Amino acid sequence: ETLRYSLEQWDGKGKAYGLKSEDVPIASRILHIAQVLGVAHSFGG
């Protein structure tokens, strides 16, 4: 389930299913932010 919803956004404008805020499983929200911020860190610290 975490992987299924890993591209969702807090505001509901996610790329796959359009889930919003608390409807996105917490583990998916954590995975999403970790992926994006991990890439940002690798490019700019």
PDB file of all heavy atoms in Angstrom:
ATOM      1  N   GLU A   1       0.834  -1.212   0.000  1.00  0.00           N
ATOM      2  CA  GLU A   1       0.000   0.000   0.000  1.00  0.00           C
ATOM      3  C   GLU A   1       0.866   1.258   0.000  1.00  0.00           C
ATOM      4  O   GLU A   1       0.570   2.221  -0.712  1.00  0.00           O
ATOM      5  CB  GLU A   1      -0.920   0.010   1.225  1.00  0.00           C
ATOM      6  CG  GLU A   1      -1.777   1.254   1.273  1.00  0.00           C
ATOM      7  CD  GLU A   1      -2.594   1.363   2.534  1.00  0.00           C
ATOM      8  OE1 GLU A   1      -2.003   1.420   3.636  1.00  0.00           O
ATOM      9  OE2 GLU A   1      -3.828   1.414   2.409  1.00  0.00           O
ATOM     10  N   THR A   2       1.940   1.249   0.768  1.00  0.00           N
ATOM     11  CA  THR A   2       2.846   2.398   0.814  1.00  0.00           C
ATOM     12  C   THR A   2       3.372   2.724  -0.578  1.00  0.00           C
ATOM     13  O   THR A   2       3.382   3.883  -1.001  1.00  0.00           O
ATOM     14  CB  THR A   2       4.020   2.122   1.776  1.00  0.00           C
ATOM     15  OG1 THR A   2       3.493   1.942   3.091  1.00  0.00           O
ATOM     16  CG2 THR A   2       5.030   3.250   1.773  1.00  0.00           C
ATOM     17  N   LEU A   3       3.777   1.708  -1.299  1.00  0.00           N
ATOM     18  CA  LEU A   3       4.296   1.913  -2.653  1.00  0.00           C
ATOM     19  C   LEU A   3       3.209   2.377  -3.609  1.00  0.00           C
ATOM     20  O   LEU A   3       3.449   3.232  -4.474  1.00  0.00           O
ATOM     21  CB  LEU A   3       4.954   0.627  -3.159  1.00  0.00           C
ATOM     22  CG  LEU A   3       6.223   0.226  -2.392  1.00  0.00           C
ATOM     23  CD1 LEU A   3       6.655  -1.167  -2.802  1.00  0.00           C
ATOM     24  CD2 LEU A   3       7.323   1.241  -2.591  1.00  0.00           C
ATOM     25  N   ARG A   4       2.010   1.838  -3.456  1.00  0.00           N
ATOM     26  CA  ARG A   4       0.904   2.210  -4.343  1.00  0.00           C
ATOM     27  C   ARG A   4       0.628   3.716  -4.300  1.00  0.00           C
ATOM     28  O   ARG A   4       0.341   4.338  -5.322  1.00  0.00           O
ATOM     29  CB  ARG A   4      -0.355   1.432  -3.995  1.00  0.00           C
ATOM     30  CG  ARG A   4      -1.528   1.767  -4.899  1.00  0.00           C
ATOM     31  CD  ARG A   4      -2.748   0.897  -4.587  1.00  0.00           C
ATOM     32  NE  ARG A   4      -3.754   1.059  -5.585  1.00  0.00           N
ATOM     33  CZ  ARG A   4      -3.840   0.373  -6.728  1.00  0.00           C
ATOM     34  NH1 ARG A   4      -2.935  -0.535  -7.010  1.00  0.00           N
ATOM     35  NH2 ARG A   4      -4.795   0.597  -7.593  1.00  0.00           N
ATOM     36  N   TYR A   5       0.715   4.313  -3.123  1.00  0.00           N
ATOM     37  CA  TYR A   5       0.349   5.721  -2.967  1.00  0.00           C
ATOM     38  C   TYR A   5       1.554   6.643  -2.764  1.00  0.00           C
ATOM     39  O   TYR A   5       1.406   7.769  -2.305  1.00  0.00           O
ATOM     40  CB  TYR A   5      -0.643   5.862  -1.813  1.00  0.00           C
ATOM     41  CG  TYR A   5      -1.907   5.086  -2.067  1.00  0.00           C
ATOM     42  CD1 TYR A   5      -2.240   3.966  -1.298  1.00  0.00           C
ATOM     43  CD2 TYR A   5      -2.763   5.437  -3.098  1.00  0.00           C
ATOM     44  CE1 TYR A   5      -3.399   3.239  -1.549  1.00  0.00           C
ATOM     45  CE2 TYR A   5      -3.918   4.711  -3.362  1.00  0.00           C
ATOM     46  CZ  TYR A   5      -4.220   3.619  -2.583  1.00  0.00           C
ATOM     47  OH  TYR A   5      -5.360   2.899  -2.838  1.00  0.00           O
ATOM     48  N   SER A   6       2.738   6.207  -3.149  1.00  0.00           N
ATOM     49  CA  SER A   6       3.953   6.964  -2.872  1.00  0.00           C
ATOM     50  C   SER A   6       4.114   8.238  -3.709  1.00  0.00           C
ATOM     51  O   SER A   6       4.965   9.063  -3.390  1.00  0.00           O
ATOM     52  CB  SER A   6       5.185   6.080  -3.056  1.00  0.00           C
ATOM     53  OG  SER A   6       5.297   5.664  -4.402  1.00  0.00           O
ATOM     54  N   LEU A   7       3.322   8.429  -4.743  1.00  0.00           N
ATOM     55  CA  LEU A   7       3.419   9.652  -5.552  1.00  0.00           C
ATOM     56  C   LEU A   7       2.293  10.643  -5.251  1.00  0.00           C
ATOM     57  O   LEU A   7       2.152  11.653  -5.950  1.00  0.00           O
ATOM     58  CB  LEU A   7       3.424   9.307  -7.048  1.00  0.00           C
ATOM     59  CG  LEU A   7       4.633   8.507  -7.534  1.00  0.00           C
ATOM     60  CD1 LEU A   7       4.519   8.231  -9.027  1.00  0.00           C
ATOM     61  CD2 LEU A   7       5.937   9.216  -7.216  1.00  0.00           C
ATOM     62  N   GLU A   8       1.506  10.372  -4.216  1.00  0.00           N
ATOM     63  CA  GLU A   8       0.424  11.290  -3.862  1.00  0.00           C
ATOM     64  C   GLU A   8       0.981  12.527  -3.163  1.00  0.00           C
ATOM     65  O   GLU A   8       2.048  12.488  -2.560  1.00  0.00           O
ATOM     66  CB  GLU A   8      -0.590  10.583  -2.960  1.00  0.00           C
ATOM     67  CG  GLU A   8      -1.290   9.428  -3.646  1.00  0.00           C
ATOM     68  CD  GLU A   8      -1.955   9.819  -4.955  1.00  0.00           C
ATOM     69  OE1 GLU A   8      -2.925  10.592  -4.940  1.00  0.00           O
ATOM     70  OE2 GLU A   8      -1.487   9.361  -6.009  1.00  0.00           O
ATOM     71  N   GLN A   9       0.244  13.625  -3.244  1.00  0.00           N
ATOM     72  CA  GLN A   9       0.642  14.879  -2.626  1.00  0.00           C
ATOM     73  C   GLN A   9      -0.363  15.268  -1.554  1.00  0.00           C
ATOM     74  O   GLN A   9      -1.545  14.934  -1.632  1.00  0.00           O
ATOM     75  CB  GLN A   9       0.716  16.004  -3.668  1.00  0.00           C
ATOM     76  CG  GLN A   9       1.799  15.816  -4.667  1.00  0.00           C
ATOM     77  CD  GLN A   9       1.877  16.958  -5.661  1.00  0.00           C
ATOM     78  OE1 GLN A   9       2.547  16.830  -6.665  1.00  0.00           O
ATOM     79  NE2 GLN A   9       1.211  18.069  -5.417  1.00  0.00           N
ATOM     80  N   TRP A  10       0.098  16.031  -0.588  1.00  0.00           N
ATOM     81  CA  TRP A  10      -0.739  16.476   0.516  1.00  0.00           C
ATOM     82  C   TRP A  10      -1.965  17.247   0.025  1.00  0.00           C
ATOM     83  O   TRP A  10      -3.059  17.106   0.547  1.00  0.00           O
ATOM     84  CB  TRP A  10       0.088  17.342   1.473  1.00  0.00           C
ATOM     85  CG  TRP A  10      -0.667  17.841   2.646  1.00  0.00           C
ATOM     86  CD1 TRP A  10      -1.113  19.112   2.847  1.00  0.00           C
ATOM     87  CD2 TRP A  10      -1.086  17.082   3.783  1.00  0.00           C
ATOM     88  NE1 TRP A  10      -1.776  19.195   4.030  1.00  0.00           N
ATOM     89  CE2 TRP A  10      -1.768  17.952   4.634  1.00  0.00           C
ATOM     90  CE3 TRP A  10      -0.947  15.752   4.161  1.00  0.00           C
ATOM     91  CZ2 TRP A  10      -2.319  17.544   5.845  1.00  0.00           C
ATOM     92  CZ3 TRP A  10      -1.493  15.344   5.365  1.00  0.00           C
ATOM     93  CH2 TRP A  10      -2.163  16.228   6.186  1.00  0.00           C
ATOM     94  N   ASP A  11      -1.802  18.058  -1.015  1.00  0.00           N
ATOM     95  CA  ASP A  11      -2.888  18.912  -1.506  1.00  0.00           C
ATOM     96  C   ASP A  11      -3.829  18.204  -2.491  1.00  0.00           C
ATOM     97  O   ASP A  11      -4.727  18.813  -3.047  1.00  0.00           O
ATOM     98  CB  ASP A  11      -2.335  20.182  -2.143  1.00  0.00           C
ATOM     99  CG  ASP A  11      -1.448  19.936  -3.354  1.00  0.00           C
ATOM    100  OD1 ASP A  11      -1.313  18.767  -3.793  1.00  0.00           O
ATOM    101  OD2 ASP A  11      -0.877  20.911  -3.856  1.00  0.00           O
ATOM    102  N   GLY A  12      -3.613  16.917  -2.719  1.00  0.00           N
ATOM    103  CA  GLY A  12      -4.494  16.165  -3.608  1.00  0.00           C
ATOM    104  C   GLY A  12      -4.135  16.259  -5.073  1.00  0.00           C
ATOM    105  O   GLY A  12      -4.842  15.713  -5.923  1.00  0.00           O
ATOM    106  N   LYS A  13      -3.041  16.921  -5.394  1.00  0.00           N
ATOM    107  CA  LYS A  13      -2.636  17.069  -6.790  1.00  0.00           C
ATOM    108  C   LYS A  13      -1.566  16.052  -7.162  1.00  0.00           C
ATOM    109  O   LYS A  13      -0.717  16.305  -8.006  1.00  0.00           O
ATOM    110  CB  LYS A  13      -2.134  18.490  -7.040  1.00  0.00           C
ATOM    111  CG  LYS A  13      -3.224  19.532  -6.865  1.00  0.00           C
ATOM    112  CD  LYS A  13      -2.707  20.923  -7.104  1.00  0.00           C
ATOM    113  CE  LYS A  13      -3.826  21.925  -6.889  1.00  0.00           C
ATOM    114  NZ  LYS A  13      -3.354  23.305  -7.016  1.00  0.00           N
ATOM    115  N   GLY A  14      -1.635  14.886  -6.526  1.00  0.00           N
ATOM    116  CA  GLY A  14      -0.661  13.828  -6.775  1.00  0.00           C
ATOM    117  C   GLY A  14      -0.751  13.303  -8.185  1.00  0.00           C
ATOM    118  O   GLY A  14      -1.712  13.535  -8.911  1.00  0.00           O
ATOM    119  N   LYS A  15       0.272  12.572  -8.550  1.00  0.00           N
ATOM    120  CA  LYS A  15       0.404  12.135  -9.929  1.00  0.00           C
ATOM    121  C   LYS A  15      -0.431  10.912 -10.277  1.00  0.00           C
ATOM    122  O   LYS A  15      -0.706  10.668 -11.431  1.00  0.00           O
ATOM    123  CB  LYS A  15       1.870  11.812 -10.225  1.00  0.00           C
ATOM    124  CG  LYS A  15       2.851  12.889  -9.834  1.00  0.00           C
ATOM    125  CD  LYS A  15       2.653  14.157 -10.617  1.00  0.00           C
ATOM    126  CE  LYS A  15       3.690  15.200 -10.327  1.00  0.00           C
ATOM    127  NZ  LYS A  15       3.499  16.004  -9.147  1.00  0.00           N
ATOM    128  N   ALA A  16      -0.821  10.119  -9.294  1.00  0.00           N
ATOM    129  CA  ALA A  16      -1.465   8.851  -9.632  1.00  0.00           C
ATOM    130  C   ALA A  16      -2.961   8.822  -9.307  1.00  0.00           C
ATOM    131  O   ALA A  16      -3.784   8.707 -10.206  1.00  0.00           O
ATOM    132  CB  ALA A  16      -0.753   7.699  -8.931  1.00  0.00           C
ATOM    133  N   TYR A  17      -3.322   8.929  -8.050  1.00  0.00           N
ATOM    134  CA  TYR A  17      -4.718   8.697  -7.657  1.00  0.00           C
ATOM    135  C   TYR A  17      -5.446   9.941  -7.150  1.00  0.00           C
ATOM    136  O   TYR A  17      -6.657   9.919  -6.994  1.00  0.00           O
ATOM    137  CB  TYR A  17      -4.777   7.597  -6.588  1.00  0.00           C
ATOM    138  CG  TYR A  17      -4.173   6.309  -7.067  1.00  0.00           C
ATOM    139  CD1 TYR A  17      -2.874   5.957  -6.741  1.00  0.00           C
ATOM    140  CD2 TYR A  17      -4.894   5.458  -7.899  1.00  0.00           C
ATOM    141  CE1 TYR A  17      -2.309   4.780  -7.199  1.00  0.00           C
ATOM    142  CE2 TYR A  17      -4.336   4.285  -8.373  1.00  0.00           C
ATOM    143  CZ  TYR A  17      -3.043   3.955  -8.019  1.00  0.00           C
ATOM    144  OH  TYR A  17      -2.489   2.798  -8.486  1.00  0.00           O
ATOM    145  N   GLY A  18      -4.741  10.996  -6.848  1.00  0.00           N
ATOM    146  CA  GLY A  18      -5.373  12.222  -6.386  1.00  0.00           C
ATOM    147  C   GLY A  18      -5.876  12.179  -4.960  1.00  0.00           C
ATOM    148  O   GLY A  18      -6.748  12.962  -4.587  1.00  0.00           O
ATOM    149  N   LEU A  19      -5.333  11.280  -4.132  1.00  0.00           N
ATOM    150  CA  LEU A  19      -5.708  11.272  -2.720  1.00  0.00           C
ATOM    151  C   LEU A  19      -5.196  12.543  -2.060  1.00  0.00           C
ATOM    152  O   LEU A  19      -4.217  13.138  -2.511  1.00  0.00           O
ATOM    153  CB  LEU A  19      -5.130  10.053  -2.003  1.00  0.00           C
ATOM    154  CG  LEU A  19      -5.606   8.682  -2.465  1.00  0.00           C
ATOM    155  CD1 LEU A  19      -4.974   7.593  -1.600  1.00  0.00           C
ATOM    156  CD2 LEU A  19      -7.111   8.574  -2.423  1.00  0.00           C
ATOM    157  N   LYS A  20      -5.853  12.957  -0.978  1.00  0.00           N
ATOM    158  CA  LYS A  20      -5.520  14.224  -0.339  1.00  0.00           C
ATOM    159  C   LYS A  20      -5.321  14.064   1.165  1.00  0.00           C
ATOM    160  O   LYS A  20      -6.027  13.290   1.800  1.00  0.00           O
ATOM    161  CB  LYS A  20      -6.652  15.222  -0.602  1.00  0.00           C
ATOM    162  CG  LYS A  20      -6.397  16.611  -0.110  1.00  0.00           C
ATOM    163  CD  LYS A  20      -7.526  17.541  -0.514  1.00  0.00           C
ATOM    164  CE  LYS A  20      -7.208  18.955  -0.079  1.00  0.00           C
ATOM    165  NZ  LYS A  20      -8.224  19.892  -0.535  1.00  0.00           N
ATOM    166  N   SER A  21      -4.399  14.791   1.703  1.00  0.00           N
ATOM    167  CA  SER A  21      -4.070  14.916   3.117  1.00  0.00           C
ATOM    168  C   SER A  21      -4.102  13.573   3.850  1.00  0.00           C
ATOM    169  O   SER A  21      -3.357  12.672   3.512  1.00  0.00           O
ATOM    170  CB  SER A  21      -4.943  15.979   3.792  1.00  0.00           C
ATOM    171  OG  SER A  21      -6.313  15.651   3.727  1.00  0.00           O
ATOM    172  N   GLU A  22      -4.956  13.450   4.849  1.00  0.00           N
ATOM    173  CA  GLU A  22      -4.981  12.249   5.690  1.00  0.00           C
ATOM    174  C   GLU A  22      -5.431  10.998   4.936  1.00  0.00           C
ATOM    175  O   GLU A  22      -5.263   9.889   5.448  1.00  0.00           O
ATOM    176  CB  GLU A  22      -5.893  12.475   6.898  1.00  0.00           C
ATOM    177  CG  GLU A  22      -5.470  13.620   7.802  1.00  0.00           C
ATOM    178  CD  GLU A  22      -4.184  13.359   8.556  1.00  0.00           C
ATOM    179  OE1 GLU A  22      -3.863  12.187   8.833  1.00  0.00           O
ATOM    180  OE2 GLU A  22      -3.481  14.343   8.871  1.00  0.00           O
ATOM    181  N   ASP A  23      -5.996  11.155   3.741  1.00  0.00           N
ATOM    182  CA  ASP A  23      -6.378   9.979   2.947  1.00  0.00           C
ATOM    183  C   ASP A  23      -5.156   9.246   2.401  1.00  0.00           C
ATOM    184  O   ASP A  23      -5.244   8.070   2.060  1.00  0.00           O
ATOM    185  CB  ASP A  23      -7.297  10.376   1.787  1.00  0.00           C
ATOM    186  CG  ASP A  23      -8.669  10.833   2.266  1.00  0.00           C
ATOM    187  OD1 ASP A  23      -9.066  10.458   3.389  1.00  0.00           O
ATOM    188  OD2 ASP A  23      -9.335  11.569   1.514  1.00  0.00           O
ATOM    189  N   VAL A  24      -4.034   9.947   2.308  1.00  0.00           N
ATOM    190  CA  VAL A  24      -2.788   9.321   1.871  1.00  0.00           C
ATOM    191  C   VAL A  24      -2.191   8.625   3.096  1.00  0.00           C
ATOM    192  O   VAL A  24      -1.983   9.264   4.126  1.00  0.00           O
ATOM    193  CB  VAL A  24      -1.784  10.364   1.319  1.00  0.00           C
ATOM    194  CG1 VAL A  24      -0.497   9.690   0.864  1.00  0.00           C
ATOM    195  CG2 VAL A  24      -2.400  11.178   0.191  1.00  0.00           C
ATOM    196  N   PRO A  25      -1.913   7.341   3.007  1.00  0.00           N
ATOM    197  CA  PRO A  25      -1.337   6.649   4.159  1.00  0.00           C
ATOM    198  C   PRO A  25      -0.052   7.350   4.635  1.00  0.00           C
ATOM    199  O   PRO A  25       0.748   7.817   3.826  1.00  0.00           O
ATOM    200  CB  PRO A  25      -1.021   5.247   3.623  1.00  0.00           C
ATOM    201  CG  PRO A  25      -1.948   5.081   2.452  1.00  0.00           C
ATOM    202  CD  PRO A  25      -2.094   6.447   1.853  1.00  0.00           C
ATOM    203  N   ILE A  26       0.124   7.408   5.954  1.00  0.00           N
ATOM    204  CA  ILE A  26       1.271   8.111   6.528  1.00  0.00           C
ATOM    205  C   ILE A  26       2.593   7.552   5.992  1.00  0.00           C
ATOM    206  O   ILE A  26       3.522   8.310   5.707  1.00  0.00           O
ATOM    207  CB  ILE A  26       1.236   8.104   8.073  1.00  0.00           C
ATOM    208  CG1 ILE A  26       2.392   8.929   8.659  1.00  0.00           C
ATOM    209  CG2 ILE A  26       1.277   6.689   8.621  1.00  0.00           C
ATOM    210  CD1 ILE A  26       2.304  10.409   8.410  1.00  0.00           C
ATOM    211  N   ALA A  27       2.682   6.253   5.838  1.00  0.00           N
ATOM    212  CA  ALA A  27       3.934   5.674   5.322  1.00  0.00           C
ATOM    213  C   ALA A  27       4.219   6.163   3.905  1.00  0.00           C
ATOM    214  O   ALA A  27       5.382   6.397   3.545  1.00  0.00           O
ATOM    215  CB  ALA A  27       3.870   4.148   5.366  1.00  0.00           C
ATOM    216  N   SER A  28       3.189   6.357   3.098  1.00  0.00           N
ATOM    217  CA  SER A  28       3.369   6.867   1.736  1.00  0.00           C
ATOM    218  C   SER A  28       3.818   8.320   1.766  1.00  0.00           C
ATOM    219  O   SER A  28       4.662   8.738   0.963  1.00  0.00           O
ATOM    220  CB  SER A  28       2.069   6.743   0.941  1.00  0.00           C
ATOM    221  OG  SER A  28       1.694   5.395   0.813  1.00  0.00           O
ATOM    222  N   ARG A  29       3.261   9.096   2.703  1.00  0.00           N
ATOM    223  CA  ARG A  29       3.673  10.497   2.829  1.00  0.00           C
ATOM    224  C   ARG A  29       5.143  10.588   3.238  1.00  0.00           C
ATOM    225  O   ARG A  29       5.885  11.428   2.726  1.00  0.00           O
ATOM    226  CB  ARG A  29       2.806  11.222   3.857  1.00  0.00           C
ATOM    227  CG  ARG A  29       1.408  11.500   3.346  1.00  0.00           C
ATOM    228  CD  ARG A  29       0.600  12.268   4.371  1.00  0.00           C
ATOM    229  NE  ARG A  29      -0.197  11.302   5.126  1.00  0.00           N
ATOM    230  CZ  ARG A  29      -0.621  11.474   6.365  1.00  0.00           C
ATOM    231  NH1 ARG A  29      -0.321  12.565   7.040  1.00  0.00           N
ATOM    232  NH2 ARG A  29      -1.353  10.553   6.951  1.00  0.00           N
ATOM    233  N   ILE A  30       5.545   9.719   4.147  1.00  0.00           N
ATOM    234  CA  ILE A  30       6.943   9.707   4.590  1.00  0.00           C
ATOM    235  C   ILE A  30       7.856   9.284   3.442  1.00  0.00           C
ATOM    236  O   ILE A  30       8.899   9.907   3.200  1.00  0.00           O
ATOM    237  CB  ILE A  30       7.109   8.792   5.812  1.00  0.00           C
ATOM    238  CG1 ILE A  30       6.402   9.403   7.020  1.00  0.00           C
ATOM    239  CG2 ILE A  30       8.596   8.542   6.105  1.00  0.00           C
ATOM    240  CD1 ILE A  30       6.286   8.464   8.216  1.00  0.00           C
ATOM    241  N   LEU A  31       7.484   8.240   2.718  1.00  0.00           N
ATOM    242  CA  LEU A  31       8.291   7.784   1.591  1.00  0.00           C
ATOM    243  C   LEU A  31       8.427   8.888   0.545  1.00  0.00           C
ATOM    244  O   LEU A  31       9.516   9.143   0.027  1.00  0.00           O
ATOM    245  CB  LEU A  31       7.689   6.527   0.965  1.00  0.00           C
ATOM    246  CG  LEU A  31       8.406   5.969  -0.267  1.00  0.00           C
ATOM    247  CD1 LEU A  31       9.858   5.626   0.045  1.00  0.00           C
ATOM    248  CD2 LEU A  31       7.651   4.745  -0.787  1.00  0.00           C
ATOM    249  N   HIS A  32       7.331   9.564   0.237  1.00  0.00           N
ATOM    250  CA  HIS A  32       7.347  10.619  -0.784  1.00  0.00           C
ATOM    251  C   HIS A  32       8.304  11.747  -0.405  1.00  0.00           C
ATOM    252  O   HIS A  32       9.166  12.137  -1.200  1.00  0.00           O
ATOM    253  CB  HIS A  32       5.925  11.149  -0.995  1.00  0.00           C
ATOM    254  CG  HIS A  32       5.838  12.235  -2.007  1.00  0.00           C
ATOM    255  ND1 HIS A  32       6.137  12.042  -3.343  1.00  0.00           N
ATOM    256  CD2 HIS A  32       5.494  13.545  -1.887  1.00  0.00           C
ATOM    257  CE1 HIS A  32       5.976  13.186  -3.998  1.00  0.00           C
ATOM    258  NE2 HIS A  32       5.594  14.108  -3.131  1.00  0.00           N
ATOM    259  N   ILE A  33       8.177  12.242   0.807  1.00  0.00           N
ATOM    260  CA  ILE A  33       9.048  13.356   1.220  1.00  0.00           C
ATOM    261  C   ILE A  33      10.504  12.893   1.286  1.00  0.00           C
ATOM    262  O   ILE A  33      11.413  13.618   0.897  1.00  0.00           O
ATOM    263  CB  ILE A  33       8.576  13.999   2.544  1.00  0.00           C
ATOM    264  CG1 ILE A  33       9.283  15.330   2.781  1.00  0.00           C
ATOM    265  CG2 ILE A  33       8.757  13.076   3.725  1.00  0.00           C
ATOM    266  CD1 ILE A  33       8.733  16.131   3.958  1.00  0.00           C
ATOM    267  N   ALA A  34      10.734  11.665   1.727  1.00  0.00           N
ATOM    268  CA  ALA A  34      12.103  11.149   1.814  1.00  0.00           C
ATOM    269  C   ALA A  34      12.738  11.031   0.431  1.00  0.00           C
ATOM    270  O   ALA A  34      13.921  11.369   0.247  1.00  0.00           O
ATOM    271  CB  ALA A  34      12.113   9.797   2.523  1.00  0.00           C
ATOM    272  N   GLN A  35      11.972  10.567  -0.548  1.00  0.00           N
ATOM    273  CA  GLN A  35      12.502  10.436  -1.906  1.00  0.00           C
ATOM    274  C   GLN A  35      12.877  11.797  -2.478  1.00  0.00           C
ATOM    275  O   GLN A  35      13.967  11.983  -3.015  1.00  0.00           O
ATOM    276  CB  GLN A  35      11.478   9.770  -2.821  1.00  0.00           C
ATOM    277  CG  GLN A  35      11.279   8.311  -2.540  1.00  0.00           C
ATOM    278  CD  GLN A  35      10.146   7.725  -3.371  1.00  0.00           C
ATOM    279  OE1 GLN A  35       9.129   8.376  -3.614  1.00  0.00           O
ATOM    280  NE2 GLN A  35      10.313   6.484  -3.793  1.00  0.00           N
ATOM    281  N   VAL A  36      11.971  12.751  -2.383  1.00  0.00           N
ATOM    282  CA  VAL A  36      12.215  14.072  -2.970  1.00  0.00           C
ATOM    283  C   VAL A  36      13.357  14.785  -2.260  1.00  0.00           C
ATOM    284  O   VAL A  36      14.259  15.339  -2.899  1.00  0.00           O
ATOM    285  CB  VAL A  36      10.929  14.928  -2.943  1.00  0.00           C
ATOM    286  CG1 VAL A  36      11.208  16.355  -3.397  1.00  0.00           C
ATOM    287  CG2 VAL A  36       9.844  14.290  -3.804  1.00  0.00           C
ATOM    288  N   LEU A  37      13.337  14.766  -0.934  1.00  0.00           N
ATOM    289  CA  LEU A  37      14.380  15.479  -0.195  1.00  0.00           C
ATOM    290  C   LEU A  37      15.728  14.765  -0.300  1.00  0.00           C
ATOM    291  O   LEU A  37      16.773  15.419  -0.248  1.00  0.00           O
ATOM    292  CB  LEU A  37      13.964  15.682   1.258  1.00  0.00           C
ATOM    293  CG  LEU A  37      12.707  16.545   1.447  1.00  0.00           C
ATOM    294  CD1 LEU A  37      12.429  16.764   2.920  1.00  0.00           C
ATOM    295  CD2 LEU A  37      12.786  17.854   0.689  1.00  0.00           C
ATOM    296  N   GLY A  38      15.701  13.465  -0.496  1.00  0.00           N
ATOM    297  CA  GLY A  38      16.952  12.739  -0.729  1.00  0.00           C
ATOM    298  C   GLY A  38      17.623  13.188  -2.020  1.00  0.00           C
ATOM    299  O   GLY A  38      18.848  13.382  -2.067  1.00  0.00           O
ATOM    300  N   VAL A  39      16.827  13.355  -3.063  1.00  0.00           N
ATOM    301  CA  VAL A  39      17.362  13.841  -4.341  1.00  0.00           C
ATOM    302  C   VAL A  39      17.860  15.274  -4.191  1.00  0.00           C
ATOM    303  O   VAL A  39      18.957  15.617  -4.651  1.00  0.00           O
ATOM    304  CB  VAL A  39      16.306  13.733  -5.466  1.00  0.00           C
ATOM    305  CG1 VAL A  39      16.780  14.442  -6.727  1.00  0.00           C
ATOM    306  CG2 VAL A  39      15.985  12.278  -5.752  1.00  0.00           C
ATOM    307  N   ALA A  40      17.063  16.120  -3.523  1.00  0.00           N
ATOM    308  CA  ALA A  40      17.480  17.509  -3.310  1.00  0.00           C
ATOM    309  C   ALA A  40      18.803  17.563  -2.549  1.00  0.00           C
ATOM    310  O   ALA A  40      19.706  18.335  -2.902  1.00  0.00           O
ATOM    311  CB  ALA A  40      16.395  18.273  -2.548  1.00  0.00           C
ATOM    312  N   HIS A  41      18.926  16.734  -1.529  1.00  0.00           N
ATOM    313  CA  HIS A  41      20.164  16.696  -0.740  1.00  0.00           C
ATOM    314  C   HIS A  41      21.350  16.259  -1.588  1.00  0.00           C
ATOM    315  O   HIS A  41      22.445  16.816  -1.485  1.00  0.00           O
ATOM    316  CB  HIS A  41      19.988  15.762   0.459  1.00  0.00           C
ATOM    317  CG  HIS A  41      21.198  15.696   1.322  1.00  0.00           C
ATOM    318  ND1 HIS A  41      22.202  14.777   1.124  1.00  0.00           N
ATOM    319  CD2 HIS A  41      21.574  16.461   2.380  1.00  0.00           C
ATOM    320  CE1 HIS A  41      23.141  14.970   2.033  1.00  0.00           C
ATOM    321  NE2 HIS A  41      22.790  15.982   2.806  1.00  0.00           N
ATOM    322  N   SER A  42      21.140  15.281  -2.459  1.00  0.00           N
ATOM    323  CA  SER A  42      22.256  14.799  -3.273  1.00  0.00           C
ATOM    324  C   SER A  42      22.744  15.853  -4.265  1.00  0.00           C
ATOM    325  O   SER A  42      23.918  15.863  -4.628  1.00  0.00           O
ATOM    326  CB  SER A  42      21.882  13.507  -4.000  1.00  0.00           C
ATOM    327  OG  SER A  42      20.933  13.746  -5.002  1.00  0.00           O
ATOM    328  N   PHE A  43      21.858  16.751  -4.676  1.00  0.00           N
ATOM    329  CA  PHE A  43      22.253  17.798  -5.618  1.00  0.00           C
ATOM    330  C   PHE A  43      22.730  19.071  -4.940  1.00  0.00           C
ATOM    331  O   PHE A  43      23.589  19.760  -5.466  1.00  0.00           O
ATOM    332  CB  PHE A  43      21.096  18.150  -6.566  1.00  0.00           C
ATOM    333  CG  PHE A  43      20.936  17.183  -7.685  1.00  0.00           C
ATOM    334  CD1 PHE A  43      19.969  16.199  -7.626  1.00  0.00           C
ATOM    335  CD2 PHE A  43      21.758  17.230  -8.800  1.00  0.00           C
ATOM    336  CE1 PHE A  43      19.817  15.286  -8.657  1.00  0.00           C
ATOM    337  CE2 PHE A  43      21.625  16.323  -9.833  1.00  0.00           C
ATOM    338  CZ  PHE A  43      20.646  15.344  -9.755  1.00  0.00           C
ATOM    339  N   GLY A  44      22.147  19.391  -3.763  1.00  0.00           N
ATOM    340  CA  GLY A  44      22.463  20.681  -3.160  1.00  0.00           C
ATOM    341  C   GLY A  44      22.714  20.667  -1.669  1.00  0.00           C
ATOM    342  O   GLY A  44      22.768  21.730  -1.048  1.00  0.00           O
ATOM    343  N   GLY A  45      22.811  19.482  -1.079  1.00  0.00           N
ATOM    344  CA  GLY A  45      23.108  19.406   0.343  1.00  0.00           C
ATOM    345  C   GLY A  45      21.908  19.715   1.230  1.00  0.00           C
ATOM    346  O   GLY A  45      20.766  19.801   0.771  1.00  0.00           O
TER     347      GLY A  45
END
